[in-house]
């Protein structure tokens, strides 16, 4: 279920959260392709569940790509506007796979 907060709350205005059963889900940076930052994503509001694994997956659009490190870099980032599918994890398990950033309230634009 996709949740929307009261629009009077500044910090979550224009953002959505995902609830799956009793759990609140989050995006964790270790699940993002090419070391993208969680702040570089815009959530479409579309959520699907993999029938075999039960994993919840959200559809996101890459809003911006990081600036390249000058003068040389081997990092390849998805172009802005690219649509990607990212697994959503229970908030209660955040950080169990090493240092990571996460986000519960997912901006839509």
C-alpha atoms as a PDB file:
ATOM      1  CA  UNK A   1       0.000   0.000   0.000  1.00  0.00           C
ATOM      2  CA  UNK A   2       1.331   3.435  -0.921  1.00  0.00           C
ATOM      3  CA  UNK A   3       0.896   6.061   1.806  1.00  0.00           C
ATOM      4  CA  UNK A   4       0.702   9.833   1.531  1.00  0.00           C
ATOM      5  CA  UNK A   5       1.199  12.142   4.476  1.00  0.00           C
ATOM      6  CA  UNK A   6      -0.871  15.175   5.352  1.00  0.00           C
ATOM      7  CA  UNK A   7       0.145  17.982   2.938  1.00  0.00           C
ATOM      8  CA  UNK A   8       0.588  20.356   5.891  1.00  0.00           C
ATOM      9  CA  UNK A   9       3.741  18.452   6.930  1.00  0.00           C
ATOM     10  CA  UNK A  10       6.590  20.229   5.133  1.00  0.00           C
ATOM     11  CA  UNK A  11       9.188  17.483   5.432  1.00  0.00           C
ATOM     12  CA  UNK A  12       7.063  14.844   3.661  1.00  0.00           C
ATOM     13  CA  UNK A  13       5.078  17.000   1.240  1.00  0.00           C
ATOM     14  CA  UNK A  14       5.340  15.579  -2.287  1.00  0.00           C
ATOM     15  CA  UNK A  15       6.608  12.227  -1.024  1.00  0.00           C
ATOM     16  CA  UNK A  16       5.102   8.762  -0.650  1.00  0.00           C
ATOM     17  CA  UNK A  17       5.896   5.832   1.640  1.00  0.00           C
ATOM     18  CA  UNK A  18       5.256   2.129   1.105  1.00  0.00           C
ATOM     19  CA  UNK A  19       3.656  -0.197   3.637  1.00  0.00           C
ATOM     20  CA  UNK A  20       3.653  -3.963   3.085  1.00  0.00           C
ATOM     21  CA  UNK A  21       1.548  -5.704   5.687  1.00  0.00           C
ATOM     22  CA  UNK A  22       2.627  -4.344   9.070  1.00  0.00           C
ATOM     23  CA  UNK A  23       6.049  -3.197   7.787  1.00  0.00           C
ATOM     24  CA  UNK A  24       7.157   0.172   6.480  1.00  0.00           C
ATOM     25  CA  UNK A  25       9.578  -0.226   3.593  1.00  0.00           C
ATOM     26  CA  UNK A  26      12.572   1.881   2.578  1.00  0.00           C
ATOM     27  CA  UNK A  27      15.043   2.310  -0.258  1.00  0.00           C
ATOM     28  CA  UNK A  28      18.578   1.425   0.778  1.00  0.00           C
ATOM     29  CA  UNK A  29      21.616   2.753  -1.099  1.00  0.00           C
ATOM     30  CA  UNK A  30      23.255  -0.679  -1.375  1.00  0.00           C
ATOM     31  CA  UNK A  31      20.403  -1.757  -3.679  1.00  0.00           C
ATOM     32  CA  UNK A  32      20.881   1.100  -6.140  1.00  0.00           C
ATOM     33  CA  UNK A  33      22.692   0.570  -9.431  1.00  0.00           C
ATOM     34  CA  UNK A  34      26.059   2.160 -10.074  1.00  0.00           C
ATOM     35  CA  UNK A  35      26.346   3.723  -6.621  1.00  0.00           C
ATOM     36  CA  UNK A  36      23.524   6.203  -7.177  1.00  0.00           C
ATOM     37  CA  UNK A  37      22.441   8.176  -4.136  1.00  0.00           C
ATOM     38  CA  UNK A  38      18.929   7.747  -2.744  1.00  0.00           C
ATOM     39  CA  UNK A  39      18.386  11.488  -3.277  1.00  0.00           C
ATOM     40  CA  UNK A  40      18.778  11.046  -7.051  1.00  0.00           C
ATOM     41  CA  UNK A  41      15.506   9.111  -7.379  1.00  0.00           C
ATOM     42  CA  UNK A  42      11.887  10.102  -7.916  1.00  0.00           C
ATOM     43  CA  UNK A  43       9.264   7.497  -6.959  1.00  0.00           C
ATOM     44  CA  UNK A  44       6.538   6.812  -9.523  1.00  0.00           C
ATOM     45  CA  UNK A  45       4.151   5.376  -6.936  1.00  0.00           C
ATOM     46  CA  UNK A  46       4.196   2.002  -8.704  1.00  0.00           C
ATOM     47  CA  UNK A  47       4.927  -1.031  -6.543  1.00  0.00           C
ATOM     48  CA  UNK A  48       4.969  -4.694  -7.511  1.00  0.00           C
ATOM     49  CA  UNK A  49       5.657  -7.926  -5.649  1.00  0.00           C
ATOM     50  CA  UNK A  50       7.747 -10.718  -7.125  1.00  0.00           C
ATOM     51  CA  UNK A  51       5.536 -13.813  -7.030  1.00  0.00           C
ATOM     52  CA  UNK A  52       8.396 -16.247  -6.364  1.00  0.00           C
ATOM     53  CA  UNK A  53      10.474 -14.338  -3.792  1.00  0.00           C
ATOM     54  CA  UNK A  54       7.862 -12.021  -2.273  1.00  0.00           C
ATOM     55  CA  UNK A  55      10.281  -9.089  -2.732  1.00  0.00           C
ATOM     56  CA  UNK A  56       8.544  -5.717  -3.093  1.00  0.00           C
ATOM     57  CA  UNK A  57       9.955  -3.604  -5.933  1.00  0.00           C
ATOM     58  CA  UNK A  58       9.354   0.097  -6.597  1.00  0.00           C
ATOM     59  CA  UNK A  59       9.609   1.924  -9.912  1.00  0.00           C
ATOM     60  CA  UNK A  60      11.774   5.057  -9.854  1.00  0.00           C
ATOM     61  CA  UNK A  61      13.042   7.648 -12.308  1.00  0.00           C
ATOM     62  CA  UNK A  62      16.605   8.913 -12.043  1.00  0.00           C
ATOM     63  CA  UNK A  63      16.278  12.671 -11.401  1.00  0.00           C
ATOM     64  CA  UNK A  64      19.921  13.598 -11.626  1.00  0.00           C
ATOM     65  CA  UNK A  65      23.256  11.933 -12.001  1.00  0.00           C
ATOM     66  CA  UNK A  66      26.300  12.788  -9.903  1.00  0.00           C
ATOM     67  CA  UNK A  67      28.945  15.041 -11.356  1.00  0.00           C
ATOM     68  CA  UNK A  68      31.839  13.108 -12.745  1.00  0.00           C
ATOM     69  CA  UNK A  69      35.092  13.241 -10.846  1.00  0.00           C
ATOM     70  CA  UNK A  70      37.534  15.268 -12.873  1.00  0.00           C
ATOM     71  CA  UNK A  71      39.543  14.434 -14.882  1.00  0.00           C
ATOM     72  CA  UNK A  72      39.121  10.662 -14.964  1.00  0.00           C
ATOM     73  CA  UNK A  73      36.460   8.298 -13.758  1.00  0.00           C
ATOM     74  CA  UNK A  74      35.259   4.810 -14.482  1.00  0.00           C
ATOM     75  CA  UNK A  75      31.829   5.391 -12.924  1.00  0.00           C
ATOM     76  CA  UNK A  76      28.917   5.021 -15.325  1.00  0.00           C
ATOM     77  CA  UNK A  77      25.583   6.313 -14.054  1.00  0.00           C
ATOM     78  CA  UNK A  78      22.122   5.843 -15.571  1.00  0.00           C
ATOM     79  CA  UNK A  79      21.102   8.967 -17.476  1.00  0.00           C
ATOM     80  CA  UNK A  80      18.611  11.371 -15.935  1.00  0.00           C
ATOM     81  CA  UNK A  81      15.110  10.278 -16.918  1.00  0.00           C
ATOM     82  CA  UNK A  82      15.995   6.562 -16.904  1.00  0.00           C
ATOM     83  CA  UNK A  83      13.402   4.363 -15.217  1.00  0.00           C
ATOM     84  CA  UNK A  84      14.780   1.749 -12.799  1.00  0.00           C
ATOM     85  CA  UNK A  85      13.272  -0.882 -10.514  1.00  0.00           C
ATOM     86  CA  UNK A  86      14.642  -0.995  -6.969  1.00  0.00           C
ATOM     87  CA  UNK A  87      13.861  -3.512  -4.215  1.00  0.00           C
ATOM     88  CA  UNK A  88      12.219  -2.025  -1.146  1.00  0.00           C
ATOM     89  CA  UNK A  89      13.400  -3.386   2.202  1.00  0.00           C
ATOM     90  CA  UNK A  90      11.756  -3.381   5.634  1.00  0.00           C
ATOM     91  CA  UNK A  91      12.915  -0.339   7.597  1.00  0.00           C
ATOM     92  CA  UNK A  92      13.652  -2.619  10.561  1.00  0.00           C
ATOM     93  CA  UNK A  93      16.439  -4.341   8.583  1.00  0.00           C
ATOM     94  CA  UNK A  94      18.119  -1.161   7.358  1.00  0.00           C
ATOM     95  CA  UNK A  95      21.882  -1.171   7.805  1.00  0.00           C
ATOM     96  CA  UNK A  96      22.201  -4.950   8.215  1.00  0.00           C
ATOM     97  CA  UNK A  97      24.309  -5.192   5.048  1.00  0.00           C
ATOM     98  CA  UNK A  98      26.913  -2.601   5.950  1.00  0.00           C
ATOM     99  CA  UNK A  99      27.003   1.206   5.903  1.00  0.00           C
ATOM    100  CA  UNK A 100      24.212   2.630   3.794  1.00  0.00           C
ATOM    101  CA  UNK A 101      21.853   5.541   3.409  1.00  0.00           C
ATOM    102  CA  UNK A 102      18.118   4.991   3.241  1.00  0.00           C
ATOM    103  CA  UNK A 103      14.883   6.812   2.710  1.00  0.00           C
ATOM    104  CA  UNK A 104      11.319   6.005   3.791  1.00  0.00           C
ATOM    105  CA  UNK A 105       9.473   9.041   2.414  1.00  0.00           C
ATOM    106  CA  UNK A 106      10.186   8.861  -1.314  1.00  0.00           C
ATOM    107  CA  UNK A 107       9.953  12.099  -3.337  1.00  0.00           C
ATOM    108  CA  UNK A 108       7.712  11.916  -6.372  1.00  0.00           C
ATOM    109  CA  UNK A 109       9.260  14.734  -8.376  1.00  0.00           C
END
